[in-house]
Amino acid sequence: MEMTRELKEAVAKQGETVHEMCKQMVEIKDQLAEELQRVLEQLETIAANATDRSQRSYTDVTRHPFLPHDDSWTLAAPPNPTDVLYCTIDVSRLEDEAGLSAGTILATMEN
């Protein structure tokens, strides 16, 4: 009789443990679903920003230096004009009749 009672207690304790573990699994599943939703939203934001940046022209990119959107980050010193990269285009071998001007070269580069 004593052994039967002990076995019933053990079974009841195991049942409680299984019930608690099921509750924990449901909580973890909910947390993971929330985290997945946050990650998906972040990815959508990143993809949207990447699309916006890819539509900028070469001129837009070179005129405006990249600065992070985090306002707490500031430059220790303003950028030095000698640190800016420049592009030189050699047009010496092109024909004079091509009607080359800075505007046409810039338009060609942006396309």
PDB file of N, CA and C in Angstrom:
ATOM      1  N   MET A   1       0.800  -1.194   0.000  1.00  0.00           N
ATOM      2  CA  MET A   1       0.000   0.000   0.000  1.00  0.00           C
ATOM      3  C   MET A   1       0.847   1.263   0.000  1.00  0.00           C
ATOM      4  N   GLU A   2       1.900   1.212   0.809  1.00  0.00           N
ATOM      5  CA  GLU A   2       2.791   2.377   0.900  1.00  0.00           C
ATOM      6  C   GLU A   2       3.429   2.680  -0.461  1.00  0.00           C
ATOM      7  N   MET A   3       3.816   1.645  -1.156  1.00  0.00           N
ATOM      8  CA  MET A   3       4.468   1.830  -2.447  1.00  0.00           C
ATOM      9  C   MET A   3       3.480   2.408  -3.461  1.00  0.00           C
ATOM     10  N   THR A   4       2.244   1.995  -3.421  1.00  0.00           N
ATOM     11  CA  THR A   4       1.226   2.517  -4.325  1.00  0.00           C
ATOM     12  C   THR A   4       1.015   4.001  -4.084  1.00  0.00           C
ATOM     13  N   ARG A   5       0.981   4.399  -2.824  1.00  0.00           N
ATOM     14  CA  ARG A   5       0.807   5.805  -2.489  1.00  0.00           C
ATOM     15  C   ARG A   5       1.993   6.623  -2.996  1.00  0.00           C
ATOM     16  N   GLU A   6       3.202   6.112  -2.813  1.00  0.00           N
ATOM     17  CA  GLU A   6       4.409   6.810  -3.273  1.00  0.00           C
ATOM     18  C   GLU A   6       4.405   6.951  -4.798  1.00  0.00           C
ATOM     19  N   LEU A   7       3.972   5.890  -5.475  1.00  0.00           N
ATOM     20  CA  LEU A   7       3.915   5.947  -6.935  1.00  0.00           C
ATOM     21  C   LEU A   7       2.879   6.971  -7.403  1.00  0.00           C
ATOM     22  N   LYS A   8       1.732   7.029  -6.730  1.00  0.00           N
ATOM     23  CA  LYS A   8       0.706   8.009  -7.080  1.00  0.00           C
ATOM     24  C   LYS A   8       1.224   9.427  -6.868  1.00  0.00           C
ATOM     25  N   GLU A   9       1.967   9.637  -5.784  1.00  0.00           N
ATOM     26  CA  GLU A   9       2.546  10.959  -5.517  1.00  0.00           C
ATOM     27  C   GLU A   9       3.564  11.321  -6.601  1.00  0.00           C
ATOM     28  N   ALA A  10       4.374  10.338  -6.982  1.00  0.00           N
ATOM     29  CA  ALA A  10       5.383  10.582  -8.020  1.00  0.00           C
ATOM     30  C   ALA A  10       4.712  10.917  -9.348  1.00  0.00           C
ATOM     31  N   VAL A  11       3.643  10.204  -9.676  1.00  0.00           N
ATOM     32  CA  VAL A  11       2.916  10.462 -10.918  1.00  0.00           C
ATOM     33  C   VAL A  11       2.290  11.853 -10.874  1.00  0.00           C
ATOM     34  N   ALA A  12       1.715  12.223  -9.736  1.00  0.00           N
ATOM     35  CA  ALA A  12       1.109  13.549  -9.595  1.00  0.00           C
ATOM     36  C   ALA A  12       2.173  14.634  -9.736  1.00  0.00           C
ATOM     37  N   LYS A  13       3.328  14.407  -9.126  1.00  0.00           N
ATOM     38  CA  LYS A  13       4.424  15.389  -9.212  1.00  0.00           C
ATOM     39  C   LYS A  13       4.906  15.521 -10.659  1.00  0.00           C
ATOM     40  N   GLN A  14       5.020  14.398 -11.353  1.00  0.00           N
ATOM     41  CA  GLN A  14       5.428  14.438 -12.757  1.00  0.00           C
ATOM     42  C   GLN A  14       4.391  15.176 -13.596  1.00  0.00           C
ATOM     43  N   GLY A  15       3.121  14.968 -13.301  1.00  0.00           N
ATOM     44  CA  GLY A  15       2.053  15.665 -14.019  1.00  0.00           C
ATOM     45  C   GLY A  15       2.158  17.166 -13.832  1.00  0.00           C
ATOM     46  N   GLU A  16       2.441  17.602 -12.594  1.00  0.00           N
ATOM     47  CA  GLU A  16       2.618  19.031 -12.319  1.00  0.00           C
ATOM     48  C   GLU A  16       3.818  19.580 -13.086  1.00  0.00           C
ATOM     49  N   THR A  17       4.900  18.798 -13.093  1.00  0.00           N
ATOM     50  CA  THR A  17       6.107  19.225 -13.800  1.00  0.00           C
ATOM     51  C   THR A  17       5.833  19.369 -15.300  1.00  0.00           C
ATOM     52  N   VAL A  18       5.134  18.394 -15.868  1.00  0.00           N
ATOM     53  CA  VAL A  18       4.799  18.447 -17.294  1.00  0.00           C
ATOM     54  C   VAL A  18       3.915  19.659 -17.578  1.00  0.00           C
ATOM     55  N   HIS A  19       2.958  19.922 -16.706  1.00  0.00           N
ATOM     56  CA  HIS A  19       2.064  21.071 -16.881  1.00  0.00           C
ATOM     57  C   HIS A  19       2.860  22.384 -16.848  1.00  0.00           C
ATOM     58  N   GLU A  20       3.776  22.520 -15.890  1.00  0.00           N
ATOM     59  CA  GLU A  20       4.618  23.723 -15.796  1.00  0.00           C
ATOM     60  C   GLU A  20       5.497  23.874 -17.038  1.00  0.00           C
ATOM     61  N   MET A  21       6.050  22.760 -17.504  1.00  0.00           N
ATOM     62  CA  MET A  21       6.907  22.823 -18.694  1.00  0.00           C
ATOM     63  C   MET A  21       6.101  23.235 -19.924  1.00  0.00           C
ATOM     64  N   CYS A  22       4.862  22.779 -20.020  1.00  0.00           N
ATOM     65  CA  CYS A  22       4.006  23.173 -21.146  1.00  0.00           C
ATOM     66  C   CYS A  22       3.725  24.669 -21.098  1.00  0.00           C
ATOM     67  N   LYS A  23       3.466  25.200 -19.903  1.00  0.00           N
ATOM     68  CA  LYS A  23       3.244  26.637 -19.768  1.00  0.00           C
ATOM     69  C   LYS A  23       4.487  27.413 -20.187  1.00  0.00           C
ATOM     70  N   GLN A  24       5.662  26.929 -19.767  1.00  0.00           N
ATOM     71  CA  GLN A  24       6.911  27.600 -20.138  1.00  0.00           C
ATOM     72  C   GLN A  24       7.123  27.552 -21.652  1.00  0.00           C
ATOM     73  N   MET A  25       6.794  26.420 -22.265  1.00  0.00           N
ATOM     74  CA  MET A  25       6.956  26.309 -23.717  1.00  0.00           C
ATOM     75  C   MET A  25       6.049  27.290 -24.450  1.00  0.00           C
ATOM     76  N   VAL A  26       4.831  27.473 -23.968  1.00  0.00           N
ATOM     77  CA  VAL A  26       3.909  28.427 -24.586  1.00  0.00           C
ATOM     78  C   VAL A  26       4.468  29.840 -24.452  1.00  0.00           C
ATOM     79  N   GLU A  27       5.005  30.177 -23.267  1.00  0.00           N
ATOM     80  CA  GLU A  27       5.592  31.503 -23.061  1.00  0.00           C
ATOM     81  C   GLU A  27       6.779  31.723 -23.988  1.00  0.00           C
ATOM     82  N   ILE A  28       7.637  30.720 -24.102  1.00  0.00           N
ATOM     83  CA  ILE A  28       8.814  30.829 -24.975  1.00  0.00           C
ATOM     84  C   ILE A  28       8.378  30.983 -26.432  1.00  0.00           C
ATOM     85  N   LYS A  29       7.363  30.223 -26.825  1.00  0.00           N
ATOM     86  CA  LYS A  29       6.856  30.324 -28.199  1.00  0.00           C
ATOM     87  C   LYS A  29       6.342  31.731 -28.477  1.00  0.00           C
ATOM     88  N   ASP A  30       5.617  32.310 -27.529  1.00  0.00           N
ATOM     89  CA  ASP A  30       5.112  33.677 -27.696  1.00  0.00           C
ATOM     90  C   ASP A  30       6.258  34.683 -27.789  1.00  0.00           C
ATOM     91  N   GLN A  31       7.274  34.504 -26.934  1.00  0.00           N
ATOM     92  CA  GLN A  31       8.430  35.405 -26.969  1.00  0.00           C
ATOM     93  C   GLN A  31       9.150  35.308 -28.310  1.00  0.00           C
ATOM     94  N   LEU A  32       9.315  34.087 -28.804  1.00  0.00           N
ATOM     95  CA  LEU A  32       9.986  33.907 -30.092  1.00  0.00           C
ATOM     96  C   LEU A  32       9.179  34.525 -31.232  1.00  0.00           C
ATOM     97  N   ALA A  33       7.866  34.411 -31.169  1.00  0.00           N
ATOM     98  CA  ALA A  33       7.024  35.019 -32.206  1.00  0.00           C
ATOM     99  C   ALA A  33       7.175  36.537 -32.191  1.00  0.00           C
ATOM    100  N   GLU A  34       7.215  37.132 -30.994  1.00  0.00           N
ATOM    101  CA  GLU A  34       7.403  38.584 -30.887  1.00  0.00           C
ATOM    102  C   GLU A  34       8.773  38.996 -31.415  1.00  0.00           C
ATOM    103  N   GLU A  35       9.793  38.234 -31.046  1.00  0.00           N
ATOM    104  CA  GLU A  35      11.151  38.547 -31.505  1.00  0.00           C
ATOM    105  C   GLU A  35      11.247  38.416 -33.024  1.00  0.00           C
ATOM    106  N   LEU A  36      10.638  37.391 -33.573  1.00  0.00           N
ATOM    107  CA  LEU A  36      10.637  37.208 -35.020  1.00  0.00           C
ATOM    108  C   LEU A  36       9.956  38.382 -35.714  1.00  0.00           C
ATOM    109  N   GLN A  37       8.862  38.852 -35.147  1.00  0.00           N
ATOM    110  CA  GLN A  37       8.156  40.001 -35.721  1.00  0.00           C
ATOM    111  C   GLN A  37       9.045  41.244 -35.712  1.00  0.00           C
ATOM    112  N   ARG A  38       9.769  41.466 -34.599  1.00  0.00           N
ATOM    113  CA  ARG A  38      10.682  42.619 -34.523  1.00  0.00           C
ATOM    114  C   ARG A  38      11.788  42.499 -35.563  1.00  0.00           C
ATOM    115  N   VAL A  39      12.340  41.303 -35.721  1.00  0.00           N
ATOM    116  CA  VAL A  39      13.413  41.106 -36.699  1.00  0.00           C
ATOM    117  C   VAL A  39      12.896  41.344 -38.119  1.00  0.00           C
ATOM    118  N   LEU A  40      11.703  40.860 -38.410  1.00  0.00           N
ATOM    119  CA  LEU A  40      11.123  41.089 -39.740  1.00  0.00           C
ATOM    120  C   LEU A  40      10.911  42.574 -40.004  1.00  0.00           C
ATOM    121  N   GLU A  41      10.440  43.304 -39.005  1.00  0.00           N
ATOM    122  CA  GLU A  41      10.258  44.748 -39.166  1.00  0.00           C
ATOM    123  C   GLU A  41      11.595  45.441 -39.404  1.00  0.00           C
ATOM    124  N   GLN A  42      12.635  45.008 -38.679  1.00  0.00           N
ATOM    125  CA  GLN A  42      13.959  45.593 -38.881  1.00  0.00           C
ATOM    126  C   GLN A  42      14.463  45.302 -40.292  1.00  0.00           C
ATOM    127  N   LEU A  43      14.271  44.076 -40.755  1.00  0.00           N
ATOM    128  CA  LEU A  43      14.708  43.726 -42.110  1.00  0.00           C
ATOM    129  C   LEU A  43      13.964  44.533 -43.166  1.00  0.00           C
ATOM    130  N   GLU A  44      12.673  44.739 -42.964  1.00  0.00           N
ATOM    131  CA  GLU A  44      11.910  45.549 -43.909  1.00  0.00           C
ATOM    132  C   GLU A  44      12.424  46.983 -43.937  1.00  0.00           C
ATOM    133  N   THR A  45      12.770  47.513 -42.763  1.00  0.00           N
ATOM    134  CA  THR A  45      13.314  48.869 -42.691  1.00  0.00           C
ATOM    135  C   THR A  45      14.656  48.946 -43.406  1.00  0.00           C
ATOM    136  N   ILE A  46      15.504  47.956 -43.165  1.00  0.00           N
ATOM    137  CA  ILE A  46      16.820  47.931 -43.814  1.00  0.00           C
ATOM    138  C   ILE A  46      16.657  47.825 -45.327  1.00  0.00           C
ATOM    139  N   ALA A  47      15.760  46.960 -45.770  1.00  0.00           N
ATOM    140  CA  ALA A  47      15.543  46.798 -47.212  1.00  0.00           C
ATOM    141  C   ALA A  47      15.003  48.082 -47.828  1.00  0.00           C
ATOM    142  N   ALA A  48      14.102  48.754 -47.132  1.00  0.00           N
ATOM    143  CA  ALA A  48      13.553  50.011 -47.651  1.00  0.00           C
ATOM    144  C   ALA A  48      14.643  51.072 -47.745  1.00  0.00           C
ATOM    145  N   ASN A  49      15.501  51.148 -46.728  1.00  0.00           N
ATOM    146  CA  ASN A  49      16.594  52.121 -46.750  1.00  0.00           C
ATOM    147  C   ASN A  49      17.585  51.794 -47.854  1.00  0.00           C
ATOM    148  N   ALA A  50      17.855  50.518 -48.075  1.00  0.00           N
ATOM    149  CA  ALA A  50      18.787  50.133 -49.139  1.00  0.00           C
ATOM    150  C   ALA A  50      18.215  50.512 -50.497  1.00  0.00           C
ATOM    151  N   THR A  51      16.924  50.351 -50.666  1.00  0.00           N
ATOM    152  CA  THR A  51      16.282  50.731 -51.925  1.00  0.00           C
ATOM    153  C   THR A  51      16.355  52.235 -52.127  1.00  0.00           C
ATOM    154  N   ASP A  52      16.107  52.989 -51.058  1.00  0.00           N
ATOM    155  CA  ASP A  52      16.183  54.447 -51.155  1.00  0.00           C
ATOM    156  C   ASP A  52      17.589  54.888 -51.533  1.00  0.00           C
ATOM    157  N   ARG A  53      18.592  54.272 -50.924  1.00  0.00           N
ATOM    158  CA  ARG A  53      19.976  54.665 -51.200  1.00  0.00           C
ATOM    159  C   ARG A  53      20.383  54.303 -52.613  1.00  0.00           C
ATOM    160  N   SER A  54      19.883  53.165 -53.125  1.00  0.00           N
ATOM    161  CA  SER A  54      20.294  52.744 -54.465  1.00  0.00           C
ATOM    162  C   SER A  54      19.717  53.661 -55.535  1.00  0.00           C
ATOM    163  N   GLN A  55      18.686  54.418 -55.224  1.00  0.00           N
ATOM    164  CA  GLN A  55      18.088  55.314 -56.201  1.00  0.00           C
ATOM    165  C   GLN A  55      18.764  56.680 -56.212  1.00  0.00           C
ATOM    166  N   ARG A  56      19.695  56.906 -55.309  1.00  0.00           N
ATOM    167  CA  ARG A  56      20.407  58.179 -55.298  1.00  0.00           C
ATOM    168  C   ARG A  56      21.414  58.196 -56.439  1.00  0.00           C
ATOM    169  N   SER A  57      21.611  59.354 -57.028  1.00  0.00           N
ATOM    170  CA  SER A  57      22.561  59.465 -58.124  1.00  0.00           C
ATOM    171  C   SER A  57      23.980  59.557 -57.571  1.00  0.00           C
ATOM    172  N   TYR A  58      24.929  59.379 -58.467  1.00  0.00           N
ATOM    173  CA  TYR A  58      26.334  59.486 -58.091  1.00  0.00           C
ATOM    174  C   TYR A  58      26.617  60.863 -57.498  1.00  0.00           C
ATOM    175  N   THR A  59      26.046  61.879 -58.084  1.00  0.00           N
ATOM    176  CA  THR A  59      26.255  63.247 -57.604  1.00  0.00           C
ATOM    177  C   THR A  59      25.702  63.415 -56.198  1.00  0.00           C
ATOM    178  N   ASP A  60      24.513  62.874 -55.944  1.00  0.00           N
ATOM    179  CA  ASP A  60      23.933  62.967 -54.603  1.00  0.00           C
ATOM    180  C   ASP A  60      24.840  62.314 -53.568  1.00  0.00           C
ATOM    181  N   VAL A  61      25.370  61.163 -53.923  1.00  0.00           N
ATOM    182  CA  VAL A  61      26.218  60.437 -52.981  1.00  0.00           C
ATOM    183  C   VAL A  61      27.494  61.207 -52.695  1.00  0.00           C
ATOM    184  N   THR A  62      28.112  61.776 -53.733  1.00  0.00           N
ATOM    185  CA  THR A  62      29.378  62.471 -53.522  1.00  0.00           C
ATOM    186  C   THR A  62      29.203  63.831 -52.872  1.00  0.00           C
ATOM    187  N   ARG A  63      28.069  64.461 -53.062  1.00  0.00           N
ATOM    188  CA  ARG A  63      27.841  65.776 -52.453  1.00  0.00           C
ATOM    189  C   ARG A  63      27.552  65.673 -50.965  1.00  0.00           C
ATOM    190  N   HIS A  64      26.934  64.594 -50.555  1.00  0.00           N
ATOM    191  CA  HIS A  64      26.517  64.454 -49.161  1.00  0.00           C
ATOM    192  C   HIS A  64      27.266  63.293 -48.528  1.00  0.00           C
ATOM    193  N   PRO A  65      28.217  63.572 -47.628  1.00  0.00           N
ATOM    194  CA  PRO A  65      28.952  62.477 -46.990  1.00  0.00           C
ATOM    195  C   PRO A  65      28.011  61.652 -46.127  1.00  0.00           C
ATOM    196  N   PHE A  66      28.309  60.366 -46.040  1.00  0.00           N
ATOM    197  CA  PHE A  66      27.482  59.478 -45.226  1.00  0.00           C
ATOM    198  C   PHE A  66      27.713  59.781 -43.754  1.00  0.00           C
ATOM    199  N   LEU A  67      26.644  60.051 -43.062  1.00  0.00           N
ATOM    200  CA  LEU A  67      26.697  60.215 -41.613  1.00  0.00           C
ATOM    201  C   LEU A  67      25.617  59.332 -41.018  1.00  0.00           C
ATOM    202  N   PRO A  68      25.950  58.591 -39.972  1.00  0.00           N
ATOM    203  CA  PRO A  68      24.938  57.730 -39.355  1.00  0.00           C
ATOM    204  C   PRO A  68      23.755  58.556 -38.861  1.00  0.00           C
ATOM    205  N   HIS A  69      22.608  57.934 -38.787  1.00  0.00           N
ATOM    206  CA  HIS A  69      21.398  58.619 -38.346  1.00  0.00           C
ATOM    207  C   HIS A  69      21.362  58.784 -36.834  1.00  0.00           C
ATOM    208  N   ASP A  70      22.311  58.210 -36.138  1.00  0.00           N
ATOM    209  CA  ASP A  70      22.351  58.305 -34.681  1.00  0.00           C
ATOM    210  C   ASP A  70      22.823  59.698 -34.295  1.00  0.00           C
ATOM    211  N   ASP A  71      21.944  60.494 -33.697  1.00  0.00           N
ATOM    212  CA  ASP A  71      22.274  61.874 -33.354  1.00  0.00           C
ATOM    213  C   ASP A  71      23.293  61.977 -32.226  1.00  0.00           C
ATOM    214  N   SER A  72      23.473  60.914 -31.464  1.00  0.00           N
ATOM    215  CA  SER A  72      24.432  60.980 -30.366  1.00  0.00           C
ATOM    216  C   SER A  72      25.866  60.903 -30.895  1.00  0.00           C
ATOM    217  N   TRP A  73      26.034  60.462 -32.145  1.00  0.00           N
ATOM    218  CA  TRP A  73      27.354  60.346 -32.734  1.00  0.00           C
ATOM    219  C   TRP A  73      27.691  61.651 -33.427  1.00  0.00           C
ATOM    220  N   THR A  74      28.826  62.221 -33.097  1.00  0.00           N
ATOM    221  CA  THR A  74      29.248  63.453 -33.760  1.00  0.00           C
ATOM    222  C   THR A  74      30.686  63.297 -34.218  1.00  0.00           C
ATOM    223  N   LEU A  75      31.047  64.079 -35.202  1.00  0.00           N
ATOM    224  CA  LEU A  75      32.422  64.061 -35.683  1.00  0.00           C
ATOM    225  C   LEU A  75      33.326  64.765 -34.691  1.00  0.00           C
ATOM    226  N   ALA A  76      34.522  64.228 -34.495  1.00  0.00           N
ATOM    227  CA  ALA A  76      35.487  64.878 -33.620  1.00  0.00           C
ATOM    228  C   ALA A  76      35.956  66.177 -34.265  1.00  0.00           C
ATOM    229  N   ALA A  77      36.082  66.161 -35.572  1.00  0.00           N
ATOM    230  CA  ALA A  77      36.480  67.360 -36.312  1.00  0.00           C
ATOM    231  C   ALA A  77      35.757  67.321 -37.652  1.00  0.00           C
ATOM    232  N   PRO A  78      35.479  68.478 -38.234  1.00  0.00           N
ATOM    233  CA  PRO A  78      34.821  68.457 -39.544  1.00  0.00           C
ATOM    234  C   PRO A  78      35.731  67.811 -40.578  1.00  0.00           C
ATOM    235  N   PRO A  79      35.156  67.218 -41.628  1.00  0.00           N
ATOM    236  CA  PRO A  79      35.993  66.575 -42.637  1.00  0.00           C
ATOM    237  C   PRO A  79      36.920  67.584 -43.302  1.00  0.00           C
ATOM    238  N   ASN A  80      38.115  67.159 -43.542  1.00  0.00           N
ATOM    239  CA  ASN A  80      39.127  67.987 -44.170  1.00  0.00           C
ATOM    240  C   ASN A  80      38.909  67.961 -45.685  1.00  0.00           C
ATOM    241  N   PRO A  81      38.903  69.114 -46.355  1.00  0.00           N
ATOM    242  CA  PRO A  81      38.694  69.120 -47.815  1.00  0.00           C
ATOM    243  C   PRO A  81      39.714  68.274 -48.568  1.00  0.00           C
ATOM    244  N   THR A  82      40.897  68.083 -48.005  1.00  0.00           N
ATOM    245  CA  THR A  82      41.895  67.265 -48.694  1.00  0.00           C
ATOM    246  C   THR A  82      41.576  65.783 -48.576  1.00  0.00           C
ATOM    247  N   ASP A  83      40.662  65.409 -47.667  1.00  0.00           N
ATOM    248  CA  ASP A  83      40.284  64.010 -47.511  1.00  0.00           C
ATOM    249  C   ASP A  83      39.178  63.595 -48.478  1.00  0.00           C
ATOM    250  N   VAL A  84      38.618  64.542 -49.204  1.00  0.00           N
ATOM    251  CA  VAL A  84      37.522  64.254 -50.123  1.00  0.00           C
ATOM    252  C   VAL A  84      38.098  63.641 -51.395  1.00  0.00           C
ATOM    253  N   LEU A  85      37.447  62.593 -51.889  1.00  0.00           N
ATOM    254  CA  LEU A  85      37.903  61.945 -53.119  1.00  0.00           C
ATOM    255  C   LEU A  85      37.331  62.672 -54.334  1.00  0.00           C
ATOM    256  N   TYR A  86      38.150  62.816 -55.345  1.00  0.00           N
ATOM    257  CA  TYR A  86      37.721  63.448 -56.578  1.00  0.00           C
ATOM    258  C   TYR A  86      37.908  62.468 -57.722  1.00  0.00           C
ATOM    259  N   CYS A  87      37.133  62.660 -58.757  1.00  0.00           N
ATOM    260  CA  CYS A  87      37.200  61.798 -59.930  1.00  0.00           C
ATOM    261  C   CYS A  87      37.649  62.643 -61.116  1.00  0.00           C
ATOM    262  N   THR A  88      38.681  62.191 -61.796  1.00  0.00           N
ATOM    263  CA  THR A  88      39.155  62.885 -62.988  1.00  0.00           C
ATOM    264  C   THR A  88      38.811  62.029 -64.199  1.00  0.00           C
ATOM    265  N   ILE A  89      38.231  62.665 -65.205  1.00  0.00           N
ATOM    266  CA  ILE A  89      37.843  61.947 -66.415  1.00  0.00           C
ATOM    267  C   ILE A  89      38.687  62.478 -67.561  1.00  0.00           C
ATOM    268  N   ASP A  90      39.419  61.575 -68.178  1.00  0.00           N
ATOM    269  CA  ASP A  90      40.286  61.941 -69.299  1.00  0.00           C
ATOM    270  C   ASP A  90      39.469  61.905 -70.589  1.00  0.00           C
ATOM    271  N   VAL A  91      39.264  63.079 -71.170  1.00  0.00           N
ATOM    272  CA  VAL A  91      38.505  63.177 -72.423  1.00  0.00           C
ATOM    273  C   VAL A  91      39.415  63.594 -73.574  1.00  0.00           C
ATOM    274  N   SER A  92      40.716  63.502 -73.373  1.00  0.00           N
ATOM    275  CA  SER A  92      41.651  63.985 -74.388  1.00  0.00           C
ATOM    276  C   SER A  92      41.593  63.164 -75.672  1.00  0.00           C
ATOM    277  N   ARG A  93      41.188  61.910 -75.600  1.00  0.00           N
ATOM    278  CA  ARG A  93      41.162  61.074 -76.794  1.00  0.00           C
ATOM    279  C   ARG A  93      39.810  61.099 -77.507  1.00  0.00           C
ATOM    280  N   LEU A  94      38.873  61.834 -76.983  1.00  0.00           N
ATOM    281  CA  LEU A  94      37.557  61.912 -77.619  1.00  0.00           C
ATOM    282  C   LEU A  94      37.557  62.999 -78.689  1.00  0.00           C
ATOM    283  N   GLU A  95      36.689  62.831 -79.645  1.00  0.00           N
ATOM    284  CA  GLU A  95      36.610  63.797 -80.737  1.00  0.00           C
ATOM    285  C   GLU A  95      35.982  65.090 -80.247  1.00  0.00           C
ATOM    286  N   ASP A  96      36.412  66.197 -80.823  1.00  0.00           N
ATOM    287  CA  ASP A  96      35.887  67.504 -80.436  1.00  0.00           C
ATOM    288  C   ASP A  96      34.417  67.653 -80.805  1.00  0.00           C
ATOM    289  N   GLU A  97      33.977  66.949 -81.862  1.00  0.00           N
ATOM    290  CA  GLU A  97      32.593  67.082 -82.297  1.00  0.00           C
ATOM    291  C   GLU A  97      31.609  66.404 -81.339  1.00  0.00           C
ATOM    292  N   ALA A  98      32.103  65.679 -80.400  1.00  0.00           N
ATOM    293  CA  ALA A  98      31.216  64.938 -79.496  1.00  0.00           C
ATOM    294  C   ALA A  98      30.387  65.880 -78.634  1.00  0.00           C
ATOM    295  N   GLY A  99      30.723  67.154 -78.619  1.00  0.00           N
ATOM    296  CA  GLY A  99      29.959  68.130 -77.852  1.00  0.00           C
ATOM    297  C   GLY A  99      30.057  67.877 -76.358  1.00  0.00           C
ATOM    298  N   LEU A 100      31.248  67.543 -75.927  1.00  0.00           N
ATOM    299  CA  LEU A 100      31.429  67.231 -74.513  1.00  0.00           C
ATOM    300  C   LEU A 100      31.399  68.484 -73.662  1.00  0.00           C
ATOM    301  N   SER A 101      30.681  68.388 -72.604  1.00  0.00           N
ATOM    302  CA  SER A 101      30.662  69.451 -71.608  1.00  0.00           C
ATOM    303  C   SER A 101      30.554  68.771 -70.251  1.00  0.00           C
ATOM    304  N   ALA A 102      30.745  69.539 -69.212  1.00  0.00           N
ATOM    305  CA  ALA A 102      30.648  68.970 -67.866  1.00  0.00           C
ATOM    306  C   ALA A 102      29.267  68.369 -67.639  1.00  0.00           C
ATOM    307  N   GLY A 103      28.237  69.015 -68.165  1.00  0.00           N
ATOM    308  CA  GLY A 103      26.871  68.513 -67.993  1.00  0.00           C
ATOM    309  C   GLY A 103      26.643  67.165 -68.657  1.00  0.00           C
ATOM    310  N   THR A 104      27.140  66.999 -69.892  1.00  0.00           N
ATOM    311  CA  THR A 104      26.932  65.725 -70.586  1.00  0.00           C
ATOM    312  C   THR A 104      27.747  64.608 -69.943  1.00  0.00           C
ATOM    313  N   ILE A 105      28.944  64.944 -69.493  1.00  0.00           N
ATOM    314  CA  ILE A 105      29.764  63.935 -68.815  1.00  0.00           C
ATOM    315  C   ILE A 105      29.098  63.507 -67.516  1.00  0.00           C
ATOM    316  N   LEU A 106      28.613  64.462 -66.751  1.00  0.00           N
ATOM    317  CA  LEU A 106      27.944  64.159 -65.488  1.00  0.00           C
ATOM    318  C   LEU A 106      26.688  63.326 -65.728  1.00  0.00           C
ATOM    319  N   ALA A 107      25.916  63.683 -66.753  1.00  0.00           N
ATOM    320  CA  ALA A 107      24.704  62.920 -67.066  1.00  0.00           C
ATOM    321  C   ALA A 107      25.056  61.494 -67.471  1.00  0.00           C
ATOM    322  N   THR A 108      26.136  61.330 -68.232  1.00  0.00           N
ATOM    323  CA  THR A 108      26.571  60.000 -68.648  1.00  0.00           C
ATOM    324  C   THR A 108      26.998  59.170 -67.442  1.00  0.00           C
ATOM    325  N   MET A 109      27.713  59.785 -66.529  1.00  0.00           N
ATOM    326  CA  MET A 109      28.170  59.066 -65.334  1.00  0.00           C
ATOM    327  C   MET A 109      27.001  58.653 -64.457  1.00  0.00           C
ATOM    328  N   GLU A 110      25.993  59.492 -64.349  1.00  0.00           N
ATOM    329  CA  GLU A 110      24.856  59.178 -63.489  1.00  0.00           C
ATOM    330  C   GLU A 110      23.992  58.075 -64.073  1.00  0.00           C
ATOM    331  N   ASN A 111      24.029  57.892 -65.379  1.00  0.00           N
ATOM    332  CA  ASN A 111      23.237  56.825 -65.999  1.00  0.00           C
ATOM    333  C   ASN A 111      24.045  55.583 -65.948  1.00  0.00           C
TER     334      ASN A 111
END
